[in-house]
């Protein structure tokens, strides 16, 4: 059996939970659950209790489909309260060969040198360029001979208060977080191909009330930004202009969301405040309202990335729920002039086929892929751990029963001894204590630190 990974995309209008099974061969989607988002506005937590309930219900729905529990959870975070800084680090290489330890050291140095505001916390430390001695633009320095290693990093930071509220909402839903990932980063993992990454590409996840932007160039993300506009604004515009209830406006957007076709047919819409009455509205008017908002949104996005054109050789990739509007690619191509535009769905994986074809699920699937090891070649993650592609966490948590299986009973007896002493039981003689400790037949180099400290304490005590 493979590892069960839970990806939770916390959006402003929907919370999506996807469970995937990671095996040695592939990643298989085995469950999905959605729930209307409560207590979340424009990508931020506005009510912890309501947000927690939405997360819990989405998870329950996904587990019913999957028929199993998850083993680790990866949660998205909106770009609403994130910023970024660039930083560099330099270290000597004493052994003259660069290993994971040296890459970790130089990334930690770049992290240390970064100018981070006091009310912000690091979310991702992403190296995008290495320098080995005088050789610049090294993609992967692992295994190279050198005296000196230098790195340039893109560090994504988030407000501490927002991060704390997100963790609290997820924990209240009964979920232990293994990693928190920027939503645009997760969507990029799920949608971008290697050629686009190598040439440089702008990935825009167009959601319900936000658009998250990342530019992936070469090995890593070099830019991230956020626009507080999404498809919900189209619904609001329709409701106001057509003077019809919001629920009906959403239905119109979904069913008549053409941006370029201008039909003259009339449809009957209930009147806001008096749904017993109705008005006839031309589809041409509906199309104009939708196009105006989409055009404005795309123009804002174009302005955001226009100064980064030198990093965007492969053009622009759009994903997210808003991209399901008909003809949005043609509209985007007109705005992003001289740039290739692609509408992206999540990469094909095994499992529930209909899930993979929906661009709304890009972020949630990307979270599962991140949990399976599909991240940038190196990074320091949200839990302050150094990670590298193709490997598990480079600094795994050591659990005694994994390392000292043959000595569980002996260690347990010492733990019992410690508990008795802590409760005031002093009937043990020095010889009895030494006898208990001598039963633990562990080589000196494998002796756990706590046993060494405990033995020293006992020596002083007696």
Protein backbone atom coordinates (compact mmCIF):
# COMPACT_ATOMS: atom_id res chain seq x y z
CA UNK A 1 0.00 0.00 0.00
CA UNK A 2 1.21 3.50 -0.82
CA UNK A 3 1.22 6.69 1.22
CA UNK A 4 -2.12 8.53 1.37
CA UNK A 5 -1.66 12.27 0.83
CA UNK A 6 -4.33 14.87 1.56
CA UNK A 7 -4.28 18.18 -0.32
CA UNK A 8 -6.57 20.92 1.00
CA UNK A 9 -7.14 23.98 -1.18
CA UNK A 10 -8.76 26.64 0.99
CA UNK A 11 -10.48 28.98 -1.45
CA UNK A 12 -12.77 31.92 -0.89
CA UNK A 13 -15.87 30.13 -2.24
CA UNK A 14 -15.00 26.46 -2.00
CA UNK A 15 -12.76 24.28 0.11
CA UNK A 16 -11.44 21.34 -1.90
CA UNK A 17 -9.95 18.24 -0.34
CA UNK A 18 -8.27 15.66 -2.56
CA UNK A 19 -6.77 12.38 -1.36
CA UNK A 20 -4.11 10.74 -3.51
CA UNK A 21 -2.20 7.49 -3.06
CA UNK A 22 1.53 7.62 -3.73
CA UNK A 23 3.19 4.38 -4.81
CA UNK A 24 6.61 3.67 -6.25
CA UNK A 25 5.13 3.81 -9.75
CA UNK A 26 2.76 6.78 -9.72
CA UNK A 27 0.32 9.07 -7.92
CA UNK A 28 -3.33 8.05 -8.04
CA UNK A 29 -6.29 10.29 -7.15
CA UNK A 30 -8.67 8.26 -4.99
CA UNK A 31 -10.99 10.81 -3.39
CA UNK A 32 -12.32 14.35 -3.64
CA UNK A 33 -14.60 16.42 -1.43
CA UNK A 34 -15.83 19.99 -1.74
CA UNK A 35 -17.64 22.27 0.64
CA UNK A 36 -18.88 25.84 0.33
CA UNK A 37 -16.37 28.05 2.08
CA UNK A 38 -17.57 29.79 5.21
CA UNK A 39 -15.49 32.24 7.22
CA UNK A 40 -13.08 32.87 4.31
CA UNK A 41 -13.05 36.12 2.33
CA UNK A 42 -10.68 37.04 -0.47
CA UNK A 43 -8.34 34.25 0.48
CA UNK A 44 -8.13 35.12 4.19
CA UNK A 45 -9.65 33.60 7.32
CA UNK A 46 -12.41 35.89 8.63
CA UNK A 47 -14.04 33.42 11.04
CA UNK A 48 -11.89 30.58 12.38
CA UNK A 49 -14.77 28.42 13.63
CA UNK A 50 -16.75 28.61 10.36
CA UNK A 51 -13.63 28.06 8.25
CA UNK A 52 -12.72 25.03 10.35
CA UNK A 53 -16.18 23.55 9.84
CA UNK A 54 -15.90 23.96 6.05
CA UNK A 55 -12.48 22.27 6.03
CA UNK A 56 -13.75 19.42 8.19
CA UNK A 57 -16.76 18.80 5.94
CA UNK A 58 -14.65 18.85 2.76
CA UNK A 59 -12.29 16.30 4.32
CA UNK A 60 -15.20 14.06 5.40
CA UNK A 61 -16.57 14.12 1.84
CA UNK A 62 -13.17 13.19 0.38
CA UNK A 63 -12.70 10.34 2.85
CA UNK A 64 -16.11 8.92 1.97
CA UNK A 65 -15.11 8.75 -1.69
CA UNK A 66 -11.62 7.40 -0.99
CA UNK A 67 -12.77 4.91 1.65
CA UNK A 68 -9.58 5.51 3.61
CA UNK A 69 -7.79 7.97 5.86
CA UNK A 70 -4.85 10.17 4.92
CA UNK A 71 -1.33 9.93 6.32
CA UNK A 72 -0.01 13.42 5.67
CA UNK A 73 -1.70 16.71 4.87
CA UNK A 74 -0.56 19.57 2.64
CA UNK A 75 -2.54 22.82 2.92
CA UNK A 76 -2.63 25.79 0.53
CA UNK A 77 -2.20 29.40 1.52
CA UNK A 78 -3.45 32.30 -0.59
CA UNK A 79 -1.06 34.94 -1.82
CA UNK A 80 -3.27 37.59 -0.18
CA UNK A 81 -0.93 38.18 2.75
CA UNK A 82 2.35 37.03 1.24
CA UNK A 83 5.32 39.00 -0.02
CA UNK A 84 8.73 38.01 -1.28
CA UNK A 85 12.36 39.01 -0.87
CA UNK A 86 15.50 37.90 -2.67
CA UNK A 87 18.65 37.01 -0.79
CA UNK A 88 22.10 35.49 -1.36
CA UNK A 89 24.34 33.23 0.67
CA UNK A 90 27.98 32.16 0.43
CA UNK A 91 29.81 29.30 2.22
CA UNK A 92 33.16 27.58 1.99
CA UNK A 93 33.32 23.90 1.04
CA UNK A 94 35.87 22.34 3.45
CA UNK A 95 35.79 18.88 1.86
CA UNK A 96 35.98 20.35 -1.66
CA UNK A 97 32.92 18.33 -2.73
CA UNK A 98 29.42 19.77 -2.59
CA UNK A 99 26.87 17.56 -0.85
CA UNK A 100 23.39 18.06 0.55
CA UNK A 101 24.95 19.40 3.76
CA UNK A 102 26.72 22.21 1.88
CA UNK A 103 23.59 23.10 -0.12
CA UNK A 104 21.64 23.21 3.12
CA UNK A 105 24.27 25.46 4.72
CA UNK A 106 24.33 27.96 1.86
CA UNK A 107 20.50 28.15 1.76
CA UNK A 108 20.41 28.69 5.51
CA UNK A 109 22.96 31.47 5.08
CA UNK A 110 20.80 33.13 2.41
CA UNK A 111 17.82 32.80 4.74
CA UNK A 112 19.86 34.35 7.57
CA UNK A 113 20.93 37.27 5.37
CA UNK A 114 17.38 38.06 4.21
CA UNK A 115 15.73 41.25 5.40
CA UNK A 116 12.44 39.86 6.78
CA UNK A 117 9.96 42.23 8.52
CA UNK A 118 9.33 41.38 12.18
CA UNK A 119 5.65 40.55 11.62
CA UNK A 120 6.38 38.15 8.73
CA UNK A 121 7.47 34.52 8.67
CA UNK A 122 9.25 32.51 5.99
CA UNK A 123 7.04 30.18 3.95
CA UNK A 124 9.41 28.97 1.20
CA UNK A 125 13.12 29.52 0.65
CA UNK A 126 13.63 28.69 -3.04
CA UNK A 127 17.10 28.74 -4.65
CA UNK A 128 17.03 29.66 -8.33
CA UNK A 129 20.73 30.02 -9.17
CA UNK A 130 23.97 28.58 -7.79
CA UNK A 131 27.55 29.74 -8.30
CA UNK A 132 30.38 27.23 -7.87
CA UNK A 133 33.69 29.05 -7.42
CA UNK A 134 33.70 31.30 -10.52
CA UNK A 135 31.20 29.22 -12.52
CA UNK A 136 27.85 31.00 -12.62
CA UNK A 137 24.28 29.86 -13.39
CA UNK A 138 24.79 26.32 -12.11
CA UNK A 139 21.45 24.48 -12.02
CA UNK A 140 22.45 21.74 -9.58
CA UNK A 141 25.80 21.86 -7.74
CA UNK A 142 25.39 18.49 -6.02
CA UNK A 143 28.53 16.37 -6.38
CA UNK A 144 30.67 19.15 -7.88
CA UNK A 145 34.18 19.88 -6.64
CA UNK A 146 34.59 23.42 -5.31
CA UNK A 147 36.08 25.65 -2.64
CA UNK A 148 33.16 28.04 -2.47
CA UNK A 149 29.39 27.80 -3.04
CA UNK A 150 27.05 30.73 -3.58
CA UNK A 151 23.26 30.79 -4.01
CA UNK A 152 20.55 33.26 -5.01
CA UNK A 153 17.16 32.59 -3.43
CA UNK A 154 13.58 33.77 -3.73
CA UNK A 155 12.02 33.79 -0.25
CA UNK A 156 8.23 33.84 0.08
CA UNK A 157 7.07 35.30 3.38
CA UNK A 158 3.65 35.53 5.02
CA UNK A 159 2.15 37.56 7.84
CA UNK A 160 2.54 35.69 11.13
CA UNK A 161 -1.00 36.48 12.30
CA UNK A 162 -2.56 35.15 9.09
CA UNK A 163 -0.44 32.02 9.16
CA UNK A 164 -1.37 31.44 12.80
CA UNK A 165 -5.10 31.78 12.02
CA UNK A 166 -4.81 29.36 9.11
CA UNK A 167 -3.02 26.76 11.25
CA UNK A 168 -5.62 27.15 13.98
CA UNK A 169 -8.56 26.70 11.60
CA UNK A 170 -7.03 23.55 10.09
CA UNK A 171 -6.05 22.12 13.49
CA UNK A 172 -9.57 22.70 14.80
CA UNK A 173 -10.80 20.53 11.92
CA UNK A 174 -8.71 17.69 13.39
CA UNK A 175 -5.96 17.88 10.75
CA UNK A 176 -2.25 17.84 11.56
CA UNK A 177 -0.43 19.93 8.95
CA UNK A 178 2.70 18.52 7.36
CA UNK A 179 3.30 21.45 5.01
CA UNK A 180 1.77 24.76 3.96
CA UNK A 181 2.30 25.68 0.31
CA UNK A 182 1.62 28.89 -1.61
CA UNK A 183 -1.42 28.17 -3.79
CA UNK A 184 0.19 29.54 -6.95
CA UNK A 185 3.23 27.34 -6.36
CA UNK A 186 0.99 24.27 -6.00
CA UNK A 187 -0.92 25.13 -9.19
CA UNK A 188 2.37 25.52 -11.06
CA UNK A 189 3.43 22.03 -9.95
CA UNK A 190 0.17 20.58 -11.28
CA UNK A 191 0.09 22.35 -14.65
CA UNK A 192 3.49 23.43 -15.99
CA UNK A 193 5.62 21.25 -18.23
CA UNK A 194 9.42 21.19 -18.16
CA UNK A 195 9.87 23.21 -21.36
CA UNK A 196 7.76 26.04 -19.94
CA UNK A 197 9.76 26.04 -16.73
CA UNK A 198 13.08 26.09 -18.60
CA UNK A 199 12.04 28.97 -20.86
CA UNK A 200 10.24 30.88 -18.10
CA UNK A 201 6.48 31.16 -17.73
CA UNK A 202 3.86 33.16 -15.84
CA UNK A 203 1.28 30.93 -14.14
CA UNK A 204 -1.98 32.65 -13.15
CA UNK A 205 -4.49 30.75 -11.02
CA UNK A 206 -7.80 32.58 -11.52
CA UNK A 207 -10.06 31.65 -8.63
CA UNK A 208 -13.32 32.75 -7.07
CA UNK A 209 -12.19 36.07 -5.63
CA UNK A 210 -8.42 36.11 -6.17
CA UNK A 211 -5.83 35.61 -8.88
CA UNK A 212 -2.50 34.19 -7.70
CA UNK A 213 0.49 34.84 -9.94
CA UNK A 214 3.87 33.11 -9.98
CA UNK A 215 6.68 33.29 -12.51
CA UNK A 216 8.66 30.06 -12.79
CA UNK A 217 11.96 30.45 -14.59
CA UNK A 218 14.61 27.74 -14.73
CA UNK A 219 14.82 25.83 -11.48
CA UNK A 220 12.40 27.75 -9.35
CA UNK A 221 9.91 30.53 -8.74
CA UNK A 222 11.42 33.99 -9.16
CA UNK A 223 8.31 36.13 -8.64
CA UNK A 224 4.93 35.89 -6.96
CA UNK A 225 2.04 38.34 -6.64
CA UNK A 226 -1.67 38.54 -5.92
CA UNK A 227 -4.72 40.28 -7.38
CA UNK A 228 -7.89 40.49 -5.22
CA UNK A 229 -10.22 39.95 -8.18
CA UNK A 230 -11.88 36.74 -9.36
CA UNK A 231 -14.94 35.19 -10.95
CA UNK A 232 -17.17 36.23 -8.03
CA UNK A 233 -16.81 39.83 -9.21
CA UNK A 234 -18.43 38.81 -12.50
CA UNK A 235 -21.36 37.41 -10.52
CA UNK A 236 -21.66 40.63 -8.52
CA UNK A 237 -21.56 42.74 -11.69
CA UNK A 238 -24.32 40.66 -13.26
CA UNK A 239 -26.44 40.87 -10.13
CA UNK A 240 -26.11 44.67 -10.00
CA UNK A 241 -26.51 45.42 -13.70
CA UNK A 242 -29.37 42.97 -14.28
CA UNK A 243 -30.95 43.68 -10.88
CA UNK A 244 -31.34 39.96 -10.20
CA UNK A 245 -30.47 37.76 -7.16
CA UNK A 246 -26.86 36.67 -6.75
CA UNK A 247 -27.73 32.97 -7.08
CA UNK A 248 -29.41 33.62 -10.42
CA UNK A 249 -26.49 35.78 -11.55
CA UNK A 250 -24.10 32.89 -10.82
CA UNK A 251 -26.30 30.56 -12.85
CA UNK A 252 -26.27 33.01 -15.76
CA UNK A 253 -22.47 33.28 -15.62
CA UNK A 254 -22.08 29.50 -15.75
CA UNK A 255 -24.66 28.91 -18.50
CA UNK A 256 -24.12 31.99 -20.68
CA UNK A 257 -20.46 32.82 -20.00
CA UNK A 258 -19.47 33.54 -23.60
CA UNK A 259 -17.04 36.42 -24.01
CA UNK A 260 -17.05 36.85 -27.77
CA UNK A 261 -20.41 35.65 -29.07
CA UNK A 262 -23.11 38.32 -29.07
CA UNK A 263 -26.50 36.57 -29.40
CA UNK A 264 -29.64 38.70 -29.34
CA UNK A 265 -31.87 36.14 -27.64
CA UNK A 266 -33.78 37.20 -24.53
CA UNK A 267 -33.93 35.33 -21.24
CA UNK A 268 -36.30 35.93 -18.34
CA UNK A 269 -34.70 36.83 -15.01
CA UNK A 270 -36.32 37.24 -11.58
CA UNK A 271 -36.24 40.77 -10.18
CA UNK A 272 -34.11 41.39 -7.11
CA UNK A 273 -36.38 41.94 -4.09
CA UNK A 274 -39.48 40.63 -5.85
CA UNK A 275 -38.75 37.27 -7.44
CA UNK A 276 -42.40 36.84 -8.42
CA UNK A 277 -41.70 39.35 -11.20
CA UNK A 278 -39.27 38.93 -14.10
CA UNK A 279 -37.59 40.98 -16.79
CA UNK A 280 -36.43 40.02 -20.26
CA UNK A 281 -32.69 40.58 -20.74
CA UNK A 282 -30.69 40.25 -23.95
CA UNK A 283 -27.77 37.79 -23.94
CA UNK A 284 -25.80 40.53 -25.66
CA UNK A 285 -25.97 42.63 -22.47
CA UNK A 286 -24.91 39.64 -20.35
CA UNK A 287 -21.94 38.98 -22.62
CA UNK A 288 -20.86 42.63 -22.44
CA UNK A 289 -20.98 42.65 -18.63
CA UNK A 290 -18.92 39.47 -18.38
CA UNK A 291 -16.38 40.60 -20.98
CA UNK A 292 -15.89 44.00 -19.33
CA UNK A 293 -14.93 42.45 -16.00
CA UNK A 294 -12.71 39.78 -17.59
CA UNK A 295 -10.96 42.37 -19.74
CA UNK A 296 -10.30 44.60 -16.73
CA UNK A 297 -8.92 41.64 -14.73
CA UNK A 298 -6.63 40.52 -17.55
CA UNK A 299 -5.34 44.08 -18.01
CA UNK A 300 -4.43 44.30 -14.32
CA UNK A 301 -2.64 40.95 -14.57
CA UNK A 302 -0.78 42.07 -17.71
CA UNK A 303 0.41 45.17 -15.90
CA UNK A 304 1.65 43.06 -12.97
CA UNK A 305 3.91 40.90 -15.12
CA UNK A 306 4.85 43.35 -17.88
CA UNK A 307 8.07 44.35 -16.10
CA UNK A 308 9.09 40.66 -15.95
CA UNK A 309 8.85 39.91 -19.67
CA UNK A 310 12.50 38.89 -19.78
CA UNK A 311 11.62 35.94 -17.51
CA UNK A 312 8.58 34.82 -19.55
CA UNK A 313 9.94 33.17 -22.69
CA UNK A 314 7.16 30.55 -22.81
CA UNK A 315 4.31 33.00 -22.28
CA UNK A 316 1.34 32.81 -19.92
CA UNK A 317 -0.50 29.79 -18.53
CA UNK A 318 -3.98 30.30 -17.07
CA UNK A 319 -5.72 27.86 -14.75
CA UNK A 320 -8.39 27.91 -12.05
CA UNK A 321 -12.17 28.06 -12.09
CA UNK A 322 -12.44 31.37 -13.93
CA UNK A 323 -10.74 29.84 -16.99
CA UNK A 324 -13.85 27.75 -17.62
CA UNK A 325 -15.48 30.85 -19.13
CA UNK A 326 -15.95 30.33 -22.86
CA UNK A 327 -13.42 32.09 -25.12
CA UNK A 328 -11.25 33.34 -22.24
CA UNK A 329 -8.10 32.20 -24.07
CA UNK A 330 -8.93 34.40 -27.05
CA UNK A 331 -9.63 37.34 -24.75
CA UNK A 332 -6.36 36.79 -22.88
CA UNK A 333 -4.37 36.54 -26.12
CA UNK A 334 -5.66 39.97 -27.11
CA UNK A 335 -4.50 41.45 -23.79
CA UNK A 336 -1.19 39.58 -23.43
CA UNK A 337 0.02 40.70 -26.86
CA UNK A 338 3.06 38.91 -28.30
CA UNK A 339 2.80 36.22 -25.62
CA UNK A 340 1.70 32.63 -25.98
CA UNK A 341 -1.39 31.91 -23.84
CA UNK A 342 -2.41 28.44 -22.72
CA UNK A 343 -5.37 27.28 -20.62
CA UNK A 344 -4.07 24.53 -18.35
CA UNK A 345 -5.71 21.61 -16.65
CA UNK A 346 -3.89 19.46 -14.07
CA UNK A 347 -1.35 16.98 -15.43
CA UNK A 348 -2.71 13.53 -16.08
CA UNK A 349 -2.48 11.13 -13.17
CA UNK A 350 -4.18 7.84 -12.45
CA UNK A 351 -7.51 7.74 -10.69
CA UNK A 352 -10.67 9.79 -10.96
CA UNK A 353 -10.52 11.11 -14.53
CA UNK A 354 -13.13 13.85 -14.25
CA UNK A 355 -11.17 15.49 -11.43
CA UNK A 356 -8.07 15.88 -13.57
CA UNK A 357 -9.98 17.63 -16.36
CA UNK A 358 -11.23 20.45 -14.10
CA UNK A 359 -8.86 23.45 -13.82
CA UNK A 360 -10.55 24.32 -10.51
CA UNK A 361 -8.67 21.38 -8.99
CA UNK A 362 -5.19 22.43 -10.13
CA UNK A 363 -4.13 23.73 -6.73
CA UNK A 364 -5.46 20.77 -4.71
CA UNK A 365 -3.84 18.22 -7.05
CA UNK A 366 -0.62 20.24 -6.96
CA UNK A 367 -0.64 20.00 -3.17
CA UNK A 368 -0.82 16.20 -3.39
CA UNK A 369 2.01 16.22 -5.93
CA UNK A 370 4.07 18.41 -3.59
CA UNK A 371 3.48 15.90 -0.81
CA UNK A 372 4.72 13.18 -3.18
CA UNK A 373 8.00 15.01 -3.78
CA UNK A 374 7.18 17.11 -6.86
CA UNK A 375 8.71 20.40 -5.76
CA UNK A 376 11.67 22.52 -6.85
CA UNK A 377 15.02 20.70 -6.75
CA UNK A 378 15.86 22.24 -3.35
CA UNK A 379 13.95 24.30 -0.85
CA UNK A 380 13.46 25.09 2.82
CA UNK A 381 9.78 24.44 3.44
CA UNK A 382 7.16 25.94 5.74
CA UNK A 383 8.32 23.73 8.60
CA UNK A 384 11.91 25.06 8.27
CA UNK A 385 13.13 21.75 6.82
CA UNK A 386 15.58 21.37 3.96
CA UNK A 387 14.02 19.32 1.17
CA UNK A 388 15.33 18.10 -2.16
CA UNK A 389 13.68 16.37 -5.08
CA UNK A 390 13.89 12.61 -5.21
CA UNK A 391 14.47 12.29 -1.50
CA UNK A 392 12.43 12.43 1.66
CA UNK A 393 13.03 15.25 4.11
CA UNK A 394 16.79 15.48 4.50
CA UNK A 395 16.51 15.89 8.25
CA UNK A 396 13.97 13.24 9.21
CA UNK A 397 12.49 13.13 12.65
CA UNK A 398 14.13 10.28 14.51
CA UNK A 399 11.79 7.95 16.32
CA UNK A 400 13.36 5.46 18.72
CA UNK A 401 11.26 2.52 17.65
CA UNK A 402 12.46 2.99 14.06
CA UNK A 403 16.13 3.21 14.98
CA UNK A 404 16.36 0.93 18.00
CA UNK A 405 13.75 -1.74 17.32
CA UNK A 406 15.71 -4.44 19.10
CA UNK A 407 15.92 -2.40 22.31
CA UNK A 408 12.34 -1.25 22.77
CA UNK A 409 11.75 -3.28 25.91
CA UNK A 410 14.98 -2.12 27.53
CA UNK A 411 14.33 1.55 26.75
CA UNK A 412 10.80 1.13 28.06
CA UNK A 413 12.15 -0.22 31.34
CA UNK A 414 14.42 2.82 31.72
CA UNK A 415 11.49 5.13 30.96
CA UNK A 416 9.53 3.35 33.69
CA UNK A 417 12.47 3.81 36.02
CA UNK A 418 12.58 7.53 35.24
CA UNK A 419 8.84 7.84 35.88
CA UNK A 420 9.19 6.09 39.25
CA UNK A 421 12.00 8.38 40.33
CA UNK A 422 9.96 11.40 39.17
CA UNK A 423 7.13 10.18 41.42
CA UNK A 424 9.41 10.00 44.47
CA UNK A 425 10.25 6.25 44.36
CA UNK A 426 13.84 6.18 45.71
CA UNK A 427 14.05 2.52 46.73
CA UNK A 428 16.40 1.70 43.86
CA UNK A 429 20.01 1.11 44.76
CA UNK A 430 22.84 2.38 42.61
CA UNK A 431 23.63 -1.21 41.62
CA UNK A 432 20.02 -1.81 40.52
CA UNK A 433 20.03 1.29 38.37
CA UNK A 434 23.36 0.33 36.79
CA UNK A 435 21.94 -3.12 36.11
CA UNK A 436 18.91 -1.64 34.34
CA UNK A 437 21.10 0.55 32.13
CA UNK A 438 23.60 -2.21 31.32
CA UNK A 439 20.76 -4.25 29.79
CA UNK A 440 20.59 -1.77 26.95
CA UNK A 441 23.12 -3.23 24.53
CA UNK A 442 23.61 -0.27 22.21
CA UNK A 443 26.92 0.73 20.74
CA UNK A 444 28.35 3.97 22.01
CA UNK A 445 27.89 5.81 18.72
CA UNK A 446 24.18 4.94 18.65
CA UNK A 447 23.40 5.87 22.24
CA UNK A 448 20.49 8.36 22.31
CA UNK A 449 21.40 11.73 23.78
CA UNK A 450 18.69 11.56 26.44
CA UNK A 451 20.17 8.30 27.85
CA UNK A 452 23.59 9.93 28.12
CA UNK A 453 22.10 12.90 29.94
CA UNK A 454 20.03 10.60 32.14
CA UNK A 455 23.05 8.48 33.11
CA UNK A 456 25.05 11.63 33.97
CA UNK A 457 22.17 12.84 36.11
CA UNK A 458 22.01 9.52 37.94
CA UNK A 459 25.76 9.60 38.53
CA UNK A 460 25.50 12.99 40.19
CA UNK A 461 22.41 11.91 42.14
CA UNK A 462 24.10 8.89 43.75
